[in-house]
Amino acid sequence: MAELKTKLKEVLISALDLEDVTPADIKDDEPLFGTGLGLDSIDALELGIAIKENFGVTFSVVNAETRKHFESINALAAYIQSNSAAQE
């Protein structure tokens, strides 16, 4: 799971062109939106596309459940791990 989280951080940084941010700067349990990294809804769309391209995992319609998956690196990694296993 640690390798997945590192890759996820790299994808996030690359997809959102976060300058001067390294994977080590992003805490696994840090909120991605609002406080924490301060991402917004446009960032969420771009990140969702990048996750699909890099991990082959998609998200259903945006709702409260989907928002939970984007709360932190931990939440995203758990979603990717459970959904990639389901697709295999």
PDB file of N, CA and C in Angstrom:
ATOM      1  N   MET A   1       0.824  -1.199   0.000  1.00  0.00           N
ATOM      2  CA  MET A   1       0.000   0.000   0.000  1.00  0.00           C
ATOM      3  C   MET A   1       0.866   1.260   0.000  1.00  0.00           C
ATOM      4  N   ALA A   2       2.030   1.214   0.639  1.00  0.00           N
ATOM      5  CA  ALA A   2       2.914   2.394   0.674  1.00  0.00           C
ATOM      6  C   ALA A   2       3.351   2.786  -0.735  1.00  0.00           C
ATOM      7  N   GLU A   3       3.642   1.791  -1.569  1.00  0.00           N
ATOM      8  CA  GLU A   3       4.043   2.070  -2.948  1.00  0.00           C
ATOM      9  C   GLU A   3       2.903   2.722  -3.722  1.00  0.00           C
ATOM     10  N   LEU A   4       1.683   2.240  -3.510  1.00  0.00           N
ATOM     11  CA  LEU A   4       0.502   2.820  -4.154  1.00  0.00           C
ATOM     12  C   LEU A   4       0.316   4.274  -3.731  1.00  0.00           C
ATOM     13  N   LYS A   5       0.486   4.560  -2.464  1.00  0.00           N
ATOM     14  CA  LYS A   5       0.321   5.928  -1.966  1.00  0.00           C
ATOM     15  C   LYS A   5       1.365   6.862  -2.565  1.00  0.00           C
ATOM     16  N   THR A   6       2.593   6.397  -2.677  1.00  0.00           N
ATOM     17  CA  THR A   6       3.651   7.217  -3.286  1.00  0.00           C
ATOM     18  C   THR A   6       3.330   7.494  -4.746  1.00  0.00           C
ATOM     19  N   LYS A   7       2.920   6.466  -5.476  1.00  0.00           N
ATOM     20  CA  LYS A   7       2.556   6.636  -6.888  1.00  0.00           C
ATOM     21  C   LYS A   7       1.372   7.597  -7.012  1.00  0.00           C
ATOM     22  N   LEU A   8       0.400   7.458  -6.136  1.00  0.00           N
ATOM     23  CA  LEU A   8      -0.769   8.330  -6.148  1.00  0.00           C
ATOM     24  C   LEU A   8      -0.370   9.786  -5.920  1.00  0.00           C
ATOM     25  N   LYS A   9       0.537  10.023  -5.003  1.00  0.00           N
ATOM     26  CA  LYS A   9       1.031  11.379  -4.747  1.00  0.00           C
ATOM     27  C   LYS A   9       1.745  11.924  -5.973  1.00  0.00           C
ATOM     28  N   GLU A  10       2.538  11.088  -6.634  1.00  0.00           N
ATOM     29  CA  GLU A  10       3.246  11.515  -7.842  1.00  0.00           C
ATOM     30  C   GLU A  10       2.253  11.870  -8.949  1.00  0.00           C
ATOM     31  N   VAL A  11       1.214  11.068  -9.095  1.00  0.00           N
ATOM     32  CA  VAL A  11       0.178  11.339 -10.100  1.00  0.00           C
ATOM     33  C   VAL A  11      -0.531  12.646  -9.771  1.00  0.00           C
ATOM     34  N   LEU A  12      -0.868  12.860  -8.513  1.00  0.00           N
ATOM     35  CA  LEU A  12      -1.538  14.080  -8.083  1.00  0.00           C
ATOM     36  C   LEU A  12      -0.681  15.308  -8.401  1.00  0.00           C
ATOM     37  N   ILE A  13       0.580  15.251  -8.053  1.00  0.00           N
ATOM     38  CA  ILE A  13       1.495  16.374  -8.291  1.00  0.00           C
ATOM     39  C   ILE A  13       1.624  16.655  -9.782  1.00  0.00           C
ATOM     40  N   SER A  14       1.787  15.614 -10.563  1.00  0.00           N
ATOM     41  CA  SER A  14       1.946  15.768 -12.004  1.00  0.00           C
ATOM     42  C   SER A  14       0.667  16.276 -12.667  1.00  0.00           C
ATOM     43  N   ALA A  15      -0.459  15.658 -12.355  1.00  0.00           N
ATOM     44  CA  ALA A  15      -1.733  16.008 -13.002  1.00  0.00           C
ATOM     45  C   ALA A  15      -2.162  17.434 -12.691  1.00  0.00           C
ATOM     46  N   LEU A  16      -1.848  17.888 -11.492  1.00  0.00           N
ATOM     47  CA  LEU A  16      -2.288  19.220 -11.076  1.00  0.00           C
ATOM     48  C   LEU A  16      -1.188  20.269 -11.159  1.00  0.00           C
ATOM     49  N   ASP A  17      -0.036  19.882 -11.720  1.00  0.00           N
ATOM     50  CA  ASP A  17       1.091  20.799 -11.875  1.00  0.00           C
ATOM     51  C   ASP A  17       1.404  21.548 -10.576  1.00  0.00           C
ATOM     52  N   LEU A  18       1.512  20.792  -9.489  1.00  0.00           N
ATOM     53  CA  LEU A  18       1.815  21.396  -8.192  1.00  0.00           C
ATOM     54  C   LEU A  18       3.318  21.639  -8.097  1.00  0.00           C
ATOM     55  N   GLU A  19       3.703  22.876  -8.317  1.00  0.00           N
ATOM     56  CA  GLU A  19       5.111  23.236  -8.272  1.00  0.00           C
ATOM     57  C   GLU A  19       5.588  23.270  -6.830  1.00  0.00           C
ATOM     58  N   ASP A  20       6.826  22.913  -6.638  1.00  0.00           N
ATOM     59  CA  ASP A  20       7.457  22.942  -5.316  1.00  0.00           C
ATOM     60  C   ASP A  20       6.793  22.021  -4.298  1.00  0.00           C
ATOM     61  N   VAL A  21       6.077  20.986  -4.774  1.00  0.00           N
ATOM     62  CA  VAL A  21       5.479  19.996  -3.883  1.00  0.00           C
ATOM     63  C   VAL A  21       6.078  18.638  -4.231  1.00  0.00           C
ATOM     64  N   THR A  22       6.511  17.912  -3.215  1.00  0.00           N
ATOM     65  CA  THR A  22       7.038  16.568  -3.414  1.00  0.00           C
ATOM     66  C   THR A  22       6.109  15.572  -2.730  1.00  0.00           C
ATOM     67  N   PRO A  23       6.213  14.288  -3.075  1.00  0.00           N
ATOM     68  CA  PRO A  23       5.389  13.295  -2.376  1.00  0.00           C
ATOM     69  C   PRO A  23       5.569  13.339  -0.858  1.00  0.00           C
ATOM     70  N   ALA A  24       6.767  13.634  -0.411  1.00  0.00           N
ATOM     71  CA  ALA A  24       7.025  13.704   1.030  1.00  0.00           C
ATOM     72  C   ALA A  24       6.277  14.862   1.698  1.00  0.00           C
ATOM     73  N   ASP A  25       5.914  15.879   0.923  1.00  0.00           N
ATOM     74  CA  ASP A  25       5.190  17.031   1.462  1.00  0.00           C
ATOM     75  C   ASP A  25       3.716  16.722   1.742  1.00  0.00           C
ATOM     76  N   ILE A  26       3.202  15.671   1.130  1.00  0.00           N
ATOM     77  CA  ILE A  26       1.783  15.341   1.246  1.00  0.00           C
ATOM     78  C   ILE A  26       1.610  14.232   2.276  1.00  0.00           C
ATOM     79  N   LYS A  27       0.919  14.544   3.353  1.00  0.00           N
ATOM     80  CA  LYS A  27       0.667  13.543   4.395  1.00  0.00           C
ATOM     81  C   LYS A  27      -0.476  12.634   3.953  1.00  0.00           C
ATOM     82  N   ASP A  28      -0.364  11.364   4.286  1.00  0.00           N
ATOM     83  CA  ASP A  28      -1.362  10.380   3.857  1.00  0.00           C
ATOM     84  C   ASP A  28      -2.763  10.679   4.364  1.00  0.00           C
ATOM     85  N   ASP A  29      -2.870  11.258   5.551  1.00  0.00           N
ATOM     86  CA  ASP A  29      -4.184  11.515   6.134  1.00  0.00           C
ATOM     87  C   ASP A  29      -4.605  12.986   6.041  1.00  0.00           C
ATOM     88  N   GLU A  30      -3.818  13.782   5.333  1.00  0.00           N
ATOM     89  CA  GLU A  30      -4.109  15.206   5.172  1.00  0.00           C
ATOM     90  C   GLU A  30      -5.292  15.401   4.226  1.00  0.00           C
ATOM     91  N   PRO A  31      -6.225  16.296   4.562  1.00  0.00           N
ATOM     92  CA  PRO A  31      -7.327  16.578   3.637  1.00  0.00           C
ATOM     93  C   PRO A  31      -6.783  17.125   2.319  1.00  0.00           C
ATOM     94  N   LEU A  32      -7.354  16.670   1.221  1.00  0.00           N
ATOM     95  CA  LEU A  32      -6.915  17.149  -0.081  1.00  0.00           C
ATOM     96  C   LEU A  32      -7.641  18.428  -0.487  1.00  0.00           C
ATOM     97  N   PHE A  33      -8.871  18.594   0.010  1.00  0.00           N
ATOM     98  CA  PHE A  33      -9.697  19.743  -0.365  1.00  0.00           C
ATOM     99  C   PHE A  33      -9.955  20.620   0.848  1.00  0.00           C
ATOM    100  N   GLY A  34     -10.192  21.899   0.574  1.00  0.00           N
ATOM    101  CA  GLY A  34     -10.422  22.835   1.679  1.00  0.00           C
ATOM    102  C   GLY A  34      -9.114  23.085   2.403  1.00  0.00           C
ATOM    103  N   THR A  35      -9.046  22.668   3.658  1.00  0.00           N
ATOM    104  CA  THR A  35      -7.784  22.766   4.387  1.00  0.00           C
ATOM    105  C   THR A  35      -6.828  21.727   3.813  1.00  0.00           C
ATOM    106  N   GLY A  36      -5.645  21.654   4.294  1.00  0.00           N
ATOM    107  CA  GLY A  36      -4.681  20.689   3.738  1.00  0.00           C
ATOM    108  C   GLY A  36      -4.103  21.222   2.443  1.00  0.00           C
ATOM    109  N   LEU A  37      -4.187  20.450   1.372  1.00  0.00           N
ATOM    110  CA  LEU A  37      -3.643  20.892   0.084  1.00  0.00           C
ATOM    111  C   LEU A  37      -4.461  22.011  -0.547  1.00  0.00           C
ATOM    112  N   GLY A  38      -5.727  22.135  -0.175  1.00  0.00           N
ATOM    113  CA  GLY A  38      -6.552  23.223  -0.684  1.00  0.00           C
ATOM    114  C   GLY A  38      -7.006  23.051  -2.121  1.00  0.00           C
ATOM    115  N   LEU A  39      -7.192  21.814  -2.554  1.00  0.00           N
ATOM    116  CA  LEU A  39      -7.658  21.576  -3.918  1.00  0.00           C
ATOM    117  C   LEU A  39      -9.118  21.991  -4.061  1.00  0.00           C
ATOM    118  N   ASP A  40      -9.564  22.198  -5.318  1.00  0.00           N
ATOM    119  CA  ASP A  40     -10.951  22.584  -5.565  1.00  0.00           C
ATOM    120  C   ASP A  40     -11.625  21.590  -6.507  1.00  0.00           C
ATOM    121  N   SER A  41     -12.849  21.886  -6.922  1.00  0.00           N
ATOM    122  CA  SER A  41     -13.624  20.946  -7.738  1.00  0.00           C
ATOM    123  C   SER A  41     -12.995  20.691  -9.109  1.00  0.00           C
ATOM    124  N   ILE A  42     -12.365  21.677  -9.688  1.00  0.00           N
ATOM    125  CA  ILE A  42     -11.671  21.481 -10.973  1.00  0.00           C
ATOM    126  C   ILE A  42     -10.512  20.514 -10.776  1.00  0.00           C
ATOM    127  N   ASP A  43      -9.788  20.677  -9.679  1.00  0.00           N
ATOM    128  CA  ASP A  43      -8.697  19.757  -9.355  1.00  0.00           C
ATOM    129  C   ASP A  43      -9.230  18.335  -9.205  1.00  0.00           C
ATOM    130  N   ALA A  44     -10.409  18.193  -8.603  1.00  0.00           N
ATOM    131  CA  ALA A  44     -11.005  16.867  -8.418  1.00  0.00           C
ATOM    132  C   ALA A  44     -11.276  16.200  -9.759  1.00  0.00           C
ATOM    133  N   LEU A  45     -11.784  16.966 -10.720  1.00  0.00           N
ATOM    134  CA  LEU A  45     -12.035  16.414 -12.058  1.00  0.00           C
ATOM    135  C   LEU A  45     -10.735  15.969 -12.719  1.00  0.00           C
ATOM    136  N   GLU A  46      -9.726  16.816 -12.667  1.00  0.00           N
ATOM    137  CA  GLU A  46      -8.433  16.488 -13.268  1.00  0.00           C
ATOM    138  C   GLU A  46      -7.800  15.289 -12.576  1.00  0.00           C
ATOM    139  N   LEU A  47      -7.921  15.232 -11.261  1.00  0.00           N
ATOM    140  CA  LEU A  47      -7.359  14.117 -10.509  1.00  0.00           C
ATOM    141  C   LEU A  47      -8.101  12.819 -10.832  1.00  0.00           C
ATOM    142  N   GLY A  48      -9.420  12.888 -10.965  1.00  0.00           N
ATOM    143  CA  GLY A  48     -10.207  11.715 -11.333  1.00  0.00           C
ATOM    144  C   GLY A  48      -9.782  11.153 -12.679  1.00  0.00           C
ATOM    145  N   ILE A  49      -9.532  12.024 -13.640  1.00  0.00           N
ATOM    146  CA  ILE A  49      -9.077  11.599 -14.972  1.00  0.00           C
ATOM    147  C   ILE A  49      -7.686  10.972 -14.875  1.00  0.00           C
ATOM    148  N   ALA A  50      -6.802  11.589 -14.117  1.00  0.00           N
ATOM    149  CA  ALA A  50      -5.439  11.067 -13.957  1.00  0.00           C
ATOM    150  C   ALA A  50      -5.456   9.701 -13.276  1.00  0.00           C
ATOM    151  N   ILE A  51      -6.336   9.516 -12.304  1.00  0.00           N
ATOM    152  CA  ILE A  51      -6.437   8.222 -11.619  1.00  0.00           C
ATOM    153  C   ILE A  51      -6.928   7.160 -12.592  1.00  0.00           C
ATOM    154  N   LYS A  52      -7.896   7.510 -13.421  1.00  0.00           N
ATOM    155  CA  LYS A  52      -8.389   6.561 -14.424  1.00  0.00           C
ATOM    156  C   LYS A  52      -7.272   6.162 -15.381  1.00  0.00           C
ATOM    157  N   GLU A  53      -6.508   7.141 -15.853  1.00  0.00           N
ATOM    158  CA  GLU A  53      -5.427   6.877 -16.803  1.00  0.00           C
ATOM    159  C   GLU A  53      -4.296   6.050 -16.187  1.00  0.00           C
ATOM    160  N   ASN A  54      -3.978   6.309 -14.933  1.00  0.00           N
ATOM    161  CA  ASN A  54      -2.835   5.658 -14.300  1.00  0.00           C
ATOM    162  C   ASN A  54      -3.156   4.361 -13.577  1.00  0.00           C
ATOM    163  N   PHE A  55      -4.387   4.250 -13.086  1.00  0.00           N
ATOM    164  CA  PHE A  55      -4.732   3.078 -12.276  1.00  0.00           C
ATOM    165  C   PHE A  55      -5.892   2.270 -12.854  1.00  0.00           C
ATOM    166  N   GLY A  56      -6.547   2.785 -13.901  1.00  0.00           N
ATOM    167  CA  GLY A  56      -7.657   2.071 -14.520  1.00  0.00           C
ATOM    168  C   GLY A  56      -8.899   2.002 -13.650  1.00  0.00           C
ATOM    169  N   VAL A  57      -9.023   2.923 -12.716  1.00  0.00           N
ATOM    170  CA  VAL A  57     -10.154   2.946 -11.794  1.00  0.00           C
ATOM    171  C   VAL A  57     -10.984   4.188 -12.079  1.00  0.00           C
ATOM    172  N   THR A  58     -12.288   4.023 -12.135  1.00  0.00           N
ATOM    173  CA  THR A  58     -13.165   5.161 -12.379  1.00  0.00           C
ATOM    174  C   THR A  58     -14.060   5.406 -11.161  1.00  0.00           C
ATOM    175  N   PHE A  59     -14.654   6.557 -11.150  1.00  0.00           N
ATOM    176  CA  PHE A  59     -15.565   6.947 -10.079  1.00  0.00           C
ATOM    177  C   PHE A  59     -16.952   7.116 -10.677  1.00  0.00           C
ATOM    178  N   SER A  60     -17.957   6.748  -9.914  1.00  0.00           N
ATOM    179  CA  SER A  60     -19.328   6.929 -10.382  1.00  0.00           C
ATOM    180  C   SER A  60     -19.700   8.398 -10.268  1.00  0.00           C
ATOM    181  N   VAL A  61     -20.943   8.697 -10.399  1.00  0.00           N
ATOM    182  CA  VAL A  61     -21.391  10.085 -10.320  1.00  0.00           C
ATOM    183  C   VAL A  61     -20.909  10.720  -9.018  1.00  0.00           C
ATOM    184  N   VAL A  62     -20.742  12.017  -9.072  1.00  0.00           N
ATOM    185  CA  VAL A  62     -20.267  12.727  -7.888  1.00  0.00           C
ATOM    186  C   VAL A  62     -21.404  12.782  -6.867  1.00  0.00           C
ATOM    187  N   ASN A  63     -21.137  12.222  -5.723  1.00  0.00           N
ATOM    188  CA  ASN A  63     -22.093  12.252  -4.622  1.00  0.00           C
ATOM    189  C   ASN A  63     -21.299  12.205  -3.315  1.00  0.00           C
ATOM    190  N   ALA A  64     -21.984  12.086  -2.219  1.00  0.00           N
ATOM    191  CA  ALA A  64     -21.300  12.085  -0.916  1.00  0.00           C
ATOM    192  C   ALA A  64     -20.320  10.926  -0.805  1.00  0.00           C
ATOM    193  N   GLU A  65     -20.663   9.780  -1.371  1.00  0.00           N
ATOM    194  CA  GLU A  65     -19.785   8.604  -1.328  1.00  0.00           C
ATOM    195  C   GLU A  65     -18.496   8.873  -2.101  1.00  0.00           C
ATOM    196  N   THR A  66     -18.618   9.469  -3.272  1.00  0.00           N
ATOM    197  CA  THR A  66     -17.435   9.785  -4.086  1.00  0.00           C
ATOM    198  C   THR A  66     -16.549  10.794  -3.359  1.00  0.00           C
ATOM    199  N   ARG A  67     -17.151  11.768  -2.734  1.00  0.00           N
ATOM    200  CA  ARG A  67     -16.372  12.778  -1.998  1.00  0.00           C
ATOM    201  C   ARG A  67     -15.538  12.135  -0.902  1.00  0.00           C
ATOM    202  N   LYS A  68     -16.070  11.091  -0.264  1.00  0.00           N
ATOM    203  CA  LYS A  68     -15.310  10.395   0.792  1.00  0.00           C
ATOM    204  C   LYS A  68     -14.020   9.811   0.234  1.00  0.00           C
ATOM    205  N   HIS A  69     -14.070   9.304  -0.997  1.00  0.00           N
ATOM    206  CA  HIS A  69     -12.886   8.691  -1.602  1.00  0.00           C
ATOM    207  C   HIS A  69     -11.789   9.713  -1.882  1.00  0.00           C
ATOM    208  N   PHE A  70     -12.169  10.975  -2.017  1.00  0.00           N
ATOM    209  CA  PHE A  70     -11.207  12.040  -2.309  1.00  0.00           C
ATOM    210  C   PHE A  70     -10.779  12.802  -1.057  1.00  0.00           C
ATOM    211  N   GLU A  71     -11.106  12.312   0.125  1.00  0.00           N
ATOM    212  CA  GLU A  71     -10.782  13.039   1.351  1.00  0.00           C
ATOM    213  C   GLU A  71      -9.280  13.122   1.606  1.00  0.00           C
ATOM    214  N   SER A  72      -8.555  12.049   1.302  1.00  0.00           N
ATOM    215  CA  SER A  72      -7.120  12.019   1.609  1.00  0.00           C
ATOM    216  C   SER A  72      -6.442  10.989   0.713  1.00  0.00           C
ATOM    217  N   ILE A  73      -5.133  10.957   0.776  1.00  0.00           N
ATOM    218  CA  ILE A  73      -4.373   9.935   0.049  1.00  0.00           C
ATOM    219  C   ILE A  73      -4.767   8.550   0.564  1.00  0.00           C
ATOM    220  N   ASN A  74      -4.938   8.417   1.882  1.00  0.00           N
ATOM    221  CA  ASN A  74      -5.345   7.128   2.448  1.00  0.00           C
ATOM    222  C   ASN A  74      -6.663   6.654   1.845  1.00  0.00           C
ATOM    223  N   ALA A  75      -7.641   7.548   1.757  1.00  0.00           N
ATOM    224  CA  ALA A  75      -8.957   7.188   1.223  1.00  0.00           C
ATOM    225  C   ALA A  75      -8.870   6.829  -0.260  1.00  0.00           C
ATOM    226  N   LEU A  76      -8.132   7.608  -1.030  1.00  0.00           N
ATOM    227  CA  LEU A  76      -7.975   7.314  -2.456  1.00  0.00           C
ATOM    228  C   LEU A  76      -7.263   5.982  -2.677  1.00  0.00           C
ATOM    229  N   ALA A  77      -6.210   5.737  -1.923  1.00  0.00           N
ATOM    230  CA  ALA A  77      -5.460   4.491  -2.067  1.00  0.00           C
ATOM    231  C   ALA A  77      -6.333   3.286  -1.732  1.00  0.00           C
ATOM    232  N   ALA A  78      -7.137   3.399  -0.686  1.00  0.00           N
ATOM    233  CA  ALA A  78      -8.035   2.300  -0.313  1.00  0.00           C
ATOM    234  C   ALA A  78      -9.060   2.046  -1.415  1.00  0.00           C
ATOM    235  N   TYR A  79      -9.605   3.113  -1.993  1.00  0.00           N
ATOM    236  CA  TYR A  79     -10.576   2.972  -3.084  1.00  0.00           C
ATOM    237  C   TYR A  79      -9.923   2.322  -4.302  1.00  0.00           C
ATOM    238  N   ILE A  80      -8.755   2.796  -4.678  1.00  0.00           N
ATOM    239  CA  ILE A  80      -8.060   2.234  -5.849  1.00  0.00           C
ATOM    240  C   ILE A  80      -7.738   0.769  -5.608  1.00  0.00           C
ATOM    241  N   GLN A  81      -7.232   0.459  -4.433  1.00  0.00           N
ATOM    242  CA  GLN A  81      -6.864  -0.923  -4.131  1.00  0.00           C
ATOM    243  C   GLN A  81      -8.080  -1.848  -4.178  1.00  0.00           C
ATOM    244  N   SER A  82      -9.171  -1.435  -3.591  1.00  0.00           N
ATOM    245  CA  SER A  82     -10.368  -2.298  -3.575  1.00  0.00           C
ATOM    246  C   SER A  82     -11.011  -2.410  -4.947  1.00  0.00           C
ATOM    247  N   ASN A  83     -10.959  -1.348  -5.741  1.00  0.00           N
ATOM    248  CA  ASN A  83     -11.590  -1.395  -7.044  1.00  0.00           C
ATOM    249  C   ASN A  83     -10.720  -2.019  -8.120  1.00  0.00           C
ATOM    250  N   SER A  84      -9.399  -1.931  -7.990  1.00  0.00           N
ATOM    251  CA  SER A  84      -8.577  -2.621  -8.976  1.00  0.00           C
ATOM    252  C   SER A  84      -8.630  -4.110  -8.738  1.00  0.00           C
ATOM    253  N   ALA A  85      -8.764  -4.525  -7.498  1.00  0.00           N
ATOM    254  CA  ALA A  85      -8.887  -5.963  -7.189  1.00  0.00           C
ATOM    255  C   ALA A  85     -10.207  -6.491  -7.737  1.00  0.00           C
ATOM    256  N   ALA A  86     -11.264  -5.667  -7.689  1.00  0.00           N
ATOM    257  CA  ALA A  86     -12.575  -6.075  -8.179  1.00  0.00           C
ATOM    258  C   ALA A  86     -12.590  -6.207  -9.697  1.00  0.00           C
ATOM    259  N   GLN A  87     -11.734  -5.438 -10.380  1.00  0.00           N
ATOM    260  CA  GLN A  87     -11.703  -5.454 -11.841  1.00  0.00           C
ATOM    261  C   GLN A  87     -10.861  -6.589 -12.391  1.00  0.00           C
ATOM    262  N   GLU A  88     -10.014  -7.186 -11.564  1.00  0.00           N
ATOM    263  CA  GLU A  88      -9.128  -8.252 -12.056  1.00  0.00           C
ATOM    264  C   GLU A  88      -9.856  -9.570 -12.169  1.00  0.00           C
TER     265      GLU A  88
END
